[in-house]
Amino acid sequence: MTELLTLDAVRASHGATPVLFGVDLTVREGEVVALMGRNGMGKTTTVRAIMGLMPITAGRMRFRDRDLAGLAPHRAARLGLGLVPEGRRVFPNLTVFETLLATARPPTPGSAVEPWTLERITDLFPRLLERADAMGGQLSGGEQQMLAISRALMTNPALLILDEATEGLAPVVRDQIRTVLARLKAEGLSILVIDKSVAALARVADSMVILEKGRVAWSGRPAALLAAPEVQHRHLGV
């Protein structure tokens, strides 16, 4: 598979405090990569660096042969990076359909995935059709997450990045989101997902990367992580 996103020895800091220490990460075309780790280990910082929301201090980040370092967030998005941020961050004063129409963009050149339209979105999340005229601030947490994912999909990204996609959601909604991820993968969309459930992610991910204090502590196939409970306890246990 062709490499889509590559991080090579990436370092980053919050002010004078280093937080990433040489992170390596690769997402290939059509692949789902799970980025895991306890809270505060650098997962969201890695995503912020990829999206241009914080500068890197060393290393390289490339997306489809383009250097991401120093690129403004809106330019990273135009290259085909679609972010579903932690906490959802929907627009409280826009309706569901206004949000989707406002963020719609044509597909990135060379995309192998069928373009996203309102019809495809409401087929993916029928609940959003029912709530089409509701303001973002009136939605439940689960509905907001559906909208956040749909908002990113309407930009027709080459790579979808989900930061804590199921955090704080009811079990039935978590299962629905994970079913959607499996469907998106089956359609050929590349995905980088941050989540905490090894068992759930193992069913959809092609590879897994665990961060520990800003460093890659483990990486490999889901089957290898499932077969290594000591690794899960050491790096993911509470």
Protein backbone atom coordinates (compact mmCIF):
# COMPACT_ATOMS: atom_id res chain seq x y z
CA MET A 1 0.00 0.00 0.00
CA THR A 2 1.10 3.56 -0.74
CA GLU A 3 2.10 5.65 2.26
CA LEU A 4 -0.37 8.47 2.82
CA LEU A 5 0.77 10.07 6.10
CA THR A 6 4.27 9.68 7.53
CA LEU A 7 5.70 11.05 10.77
CA ASP A 8 9.44 10.54 11.15
CA ALA A 9 11.07 11.28 14.53
CA VAL A 10 8.62 14.11 15.24
CA ARG A 11 9.26 16.25 18.31
CA ALA A 12 7.03 18.99 19.70
CA SER A 13 6.77 21.17 22.78
CA HIS A 14 4.18 23.08 24.76
CA GLY A 15 6.12 26.29 25.21
CA ALA A 16 9.43 25.28 26.76
CA THR A 17 8.12 21.86 27.82
CA PRO A 18 8.87 18.98 25.40
CA VAL A 19 5.88 16.66 24.89
CA LEU A 20 6.71 14.54 21.84
CA PHE A 21 10.06 12.77 21.67
CA GLY A 22 10.66 11.36 18.21
CA VAL A 23 7.26 9.92 17.24
CA ASP A 24 7.17 7.64 14.18
CA LEU A 25 3.81 6.89 12.57
CA THR A 26 2.63 5.74 9.14
CA VAL A 27 -0.86 5.52 7.66
CA ARG A 28 -1.16 3.88 4.25
CA GLU A 29 -3.88 4.28 1.64
CA GLY A 30 -7.02 2.41 2.73
CA GLU A 31 -5.58 1.58 6.14
CA VAL A 32 -6.97 2.14 9.65
CA VAL A 33 -4.35 2.94 12.28
CA ALA A 34 -5.24 3.11 15.97
CA LEU A 35 -3.27 5.54 18.14
CA MET A 36 -3.53 4.50 21.78
CA GLY A 37 -2.20 5.32 25.22
CA ARG A 38 -3.26 6.57 28.61
CA ASN A 39 -4.48 10.14 29.04
CA GLY A 40 -1.74 12.74 28.73
CA MET A 41 0.66 10.54 26.76
CA GLY A 42 0.76 12.69 23.60
CA LYS A 43 -2.04 11.36 21.40
CA THR A 44 -3.95 14.61 20.96
CA THR A 45 -0.66 16.53 20.70
CA THR A 46 0.32 14.26 17.81
CA VAL A 47 -2.98 15.01 16.08
CA ARG A 48 -2.58 18.74 16.69
CA ALA A 49 0.89 18.61 15.16
CA ILE A 50 -0.40 16.77 12.08
CA MET A 51 -3.17 19.34 11.59
CA GLY A 52 -0.82 22.32 11.97
CA LEU A 53 -2.39 23.39 15.27
CA MET A 54 1.00 23.32 16.98
CA PRO A 55 4.51 23.51 15.54
CA ILE A 56 6.98 20.66 15.57
CA THR A 57 10.53 21.28 16.76
CA ALA A 58 12.24 18.41 14.91
CA GLY A 59 11.51 15.55 12.56
CA ARG A 60 9.41 15.35 9.41
CA MET A 61 5.71 15.05 8.62
CA ARG A 62 4.59 14.28 5.08
CA PHE A 63 1.17 13.79 3.53
CA ARG A 64 1.07 12.58 -0.06
CA ASP A 65 4.58 13.89 -0.72
CA ARG A 66 3.75 17.28 0.81
CA ASP A 67 5.63 18.57 3.84
CA LEU A 68 3.15 19.34 6.64
CA ALA A 69 5.60 21.11 8.94
CA GLY A 70 4.72 24.77 9.24
CA LEU A 71 1.55 24.40 7.18
CA ALA A 72 -1.47 26.35 8.44
CA PRO A 73 -4.45 24.22 9.60
CA HIS A 74 -6.71 25.31 6.73
CA ARG A 75 -4.03 24.38 4.21
CA ALA A 76 -3.56 20.96 5.83
CA ALA A 77 -7.31 20.44 5.58
CA ARG A 78 -7.28 21.37 1.90
CA LEU A 79 -4.68 18.68 1.25
CA GLY A 80 -7.25 16.11 2.39
CA LEU A 81 -6.97 15.86 6.17
CA GLY A 82 -10.34 15.69 7.90
CA LEU A 83 -10.39 16.08 11.70
CA VAL A 84 -13.07 14.99 14.17
CA PRO A 85 -11.74 16.80 17.26
CA GLU A 86 -11.89 15.66 20.84
CA GLY A 87 -15.01 17.10 22.43
CA ARG A 88 -16.84 17.28 19.06
CA ARG A 89 -16.93 21.14 18.94
CA VAL A 90 -20.06 21.45 16.81
CA PHE A 91 -21.39 24.90 15.95
CA PRO A 92 -24.13 25.50 18.54
CA ASN A 93 -26.04 28.09 16.48
CA LEU A 94 -26.10 26.27 13.14
CA THR A 95 -28.59 23.56 12.26
CA VAL A 96 -27.41 20.09 11.31
CA PHE A 97 -27.91 20.75 7.60
CA GLU A 98 -26.38 24.23 7.77
CA THR A 99 -23.27 22.72 9.35
CA LEU A 100 -22.97 20.07 6.66
CA LEU A 101 -23.53 22.49 3.80
CA ALA A 102 -21.12 25.06 5.24
CA THR A 103 -18.25 22.57 5.44
CA ALA A 104 -18.82 20.72 2.13
CA ARG A 105 -15.85 20.57 -0.23
CA PRO A 106 -15.14 18.73 -3.48
CA PRO A 107 -13.15 15.47 -3.23
CA THR A 108 -9.38 15.72 -3.12
CA PRO A 109 -7.78 14.88 -6.50
CA GLY A 110 -7.08 11.20 -6.94
CA SER A 111 -9.50 10.09 -4.23
CA ALA A 112 -10.66 6.50 -4.64
CA VAL A 113 -13.60 7.00 -2.26
CA GLU A 114 -17.07 7.91 -3.52
CA PRO A 115 -17.72 11.62 -2.85
CA TRP A 116 -19.69 12.49 0.27
CA THR A 117 -23.04 14.19 -0.18
CA LEU A 118 -25.97 14.97 2.12
CA GLU A 119 -27.67 11.83 0.82
CA ARG A 120 -24.71 9.64 1.68
CA ILE A 121 -24.35 11.25 5.10
CA THR A 122 -27.99 10.68 6.04
CA ASP A 123 -27.71 7.10 4.82
CA LEU A 124 -24.73 6.69 7.15
CA PHE A 125 -26.45 8.46 10.05
CA PRO A 126 -30.26 8.43 9.53
CA ARG A 127 -30.69 10.21 12.87
CA LEU A 128 -29.20 13.36 11.35
CA LEU A 129 -31.99 13.49 8.76
CA GLU A 130 -34.52 13.38 11.59
CA ARG A 131 -32.66 16.21 13.35
CA ALA A 132 -31.86 18.22 10.22
CA ASP A 133 -33.36 21.48 11.53
CA ALA A 134 -32.06 21.17 15.10
CA MET A 135 -29.31 23.51 16.25
CA GLY A 136 -25.98 21.94 17.16
CA GLY A 137 -26.39 23.02 20.75
CA GLN A 138 -29.71 21.16 20.97
CA LEU A 139 -28.26 17.78 20.03
CA SER A 140 -27.39 14.97 22.42
CA GLY A 141 -23.75 13.97 22.83
CA GLY A 142 -24.21 11.04 20.47
CA GLU A 143 -25.92 13.18 17.85
CA GLN A 144 -23.17 15.77 18.13
CA GLN A 145 -20.57 13.08 17.50
CA MET A 146 -22.47 11.87 14.44
CA LEU A 147 -22.53 15.47 13.22
CA ALA A 148 -18.82 15.98 13.94
CA ILE A 149 -17.93 12.88 11.92
CA SER A 150 -20.29 13.90 9.12
CA ARG A 151 -18.88 17.44 9.08
CA ALA A 152 -15.40 16.00 8.51
CA LEU A 153 -16.65 13.60 5.84
CA MET A 154 -18.33 16.45 3.94
CA THR A 155 -14.87 17.90 3.35
CA ASN A 156 -14.23 14.69 1.36
CA PRO A 157 -10.94 13.91 3.11
CA ALA A 158 -8.32 11.44 1.97
CA LEU A 159 -7.53 10.77 5.64
CA LEU A 160 -10.10 10.94 8.44
CA ILE A 161 -8.65 11.61 11.90
CA LEU A 162 -10.86 10.87 14.91
CA ASP A 163 -9.70 12.03 18.32
CA GLU A 164 -11.46 10.08 21.10
CA ALA A 165 -14.33 9.18 18.81
CA THR A 166 -16.44 7.33 21.40
CA GLU A 167 -15.47 9.04 24.66
CA GLY A 168 -18.42 9.81 26.94
CA LEU A 169 -21.00 8.19 24.68
CA ALA A 170 -23.64 5.62 25.59
CA PRO A 171 -22.68 2.02 24.72
CA VAL A 172 -25.26 1.79 21.93
CA VAL A 173 -23.88 4.95 20.30
CA ARG A 174 -20.28 3.74 20.71
CA ASP A 175 -21.23 0.55 18.88
CA GLN A 176 -22.87 2.57 16.11
CA ILE A 177 -19.78 4.75 15.67
CA ARG A 178 -17.55 1.68 15.49
CA THR A 179 -19.86 0.10 12.92
CA VAL A 180 -19.58 3.27 10.85
CA LEU A 181 -15.78 3.10 11.05
CA ALA A 182 -15.87 -0.45 9.72
CA ARG A 183 -18.09 0.70 6.86
CA LEU A 184 -15.79 3.61 6.03
CA LYS A 185 -12.82 1.27 5.98
CA ALA A 186 -14.69 -1.12 3.68
CA GLU A 187 -15.24 1.80 1.31
CA GLY A 188 -11.48 2.41 1.20
CA LEU A 189 -11.16 5.50 3.41
CA SER A 190 -7.89 5.86 5.32
CA ILE A 191 -8.44 6.50 9.04
CA LEU A 192 -6.32 7.45 12.05
CA VAL A 193 -8.37 6.86 15.19
CA ILE A 194 -7.68 7.56 18.86
CA ASP A 195 -9.68 5.41 21.24
CA LYS A 196 -9.21 3.32 24.36
CA SER A 197 -10.83 -0.05 23.60
CA VAL A 198 -8.27 -2.54 22.32
CA ALA A 199 -10.91 -5.18 21.61
CA ALA A 200 -13.13 -2.81 19.62
CA LEU A 201 -10.28 -1.27 17.64
CA ALA A 202 -8.74 -4.64 16.90
CA ARG A 203 -11.79 -5.49 14.81
CA VAL A 204 -11.20 -2.60 12.42
CA ALA A 205 -7.55 -1.49 12.72
CA ASP A 206 -4.75 -2.73 10.47
CA SER A 207 -2.08 -1.58 12.92
CA MET A 208 -1.83 -0.08 16.40
CA VAL A 209 0.59 2.40 17.93
CA ILE A 210 0.86 3.01 21.68
CA LEU A 211 2.31 6.24 23.03
CA GLU A 212 3.94 6.46 26.46
CA LYS A 213 5.08 9.89 27.66
CA GLY A 214 5.41 11.24 24.13
CA ARG A 215 7.28 8.22 22.75
CA VAL A 216 6.19 5.20 20.74
CA ALA A 217 6.20 2.41 23.32
CA TRP A 218 4.76 -0.31 21.08
CA SER A 219 3.53 -0.74 17.52
CA GLY A 220 2.28 -3.72 15.59
CA ARG A 221 -0.71 -5.67 14.38
CA PRO A 222 -3.88 -5.94 16.49
CA ALA A 223 -3.49 -9.70 16.89
CA ALA A 224 -0.05 -9.19 18.45
CA LEU A 225 -1.44 -6.70 20.98
CA LEU A 226 -4.40 -8.93 21.84
CA ALA A 227 -1.92 -11.75 22.47
CA ALA A 228 0.18 -9.59 24.80
CA PRO A 229 -1.87 -8.75 27.92
CA GLU A 230 1.30 -7.64 29.71
CA VAL A 231 1.81 -4.91 27.09
CA GLN A 232 -1.79 -3.79 27.47
CA HIS A 233 -1.44 -3.67 31.27
CA ARG A 234 1.88 -1.84 31.16
CA HIS A 235 0.91 0.84 28.67
CA LEU A 236 -2.90 1.01 28.68
CA GLY A 237 -4.00 -0.16 32.13
CA VAL A 238 -5.31 2.31 34.67
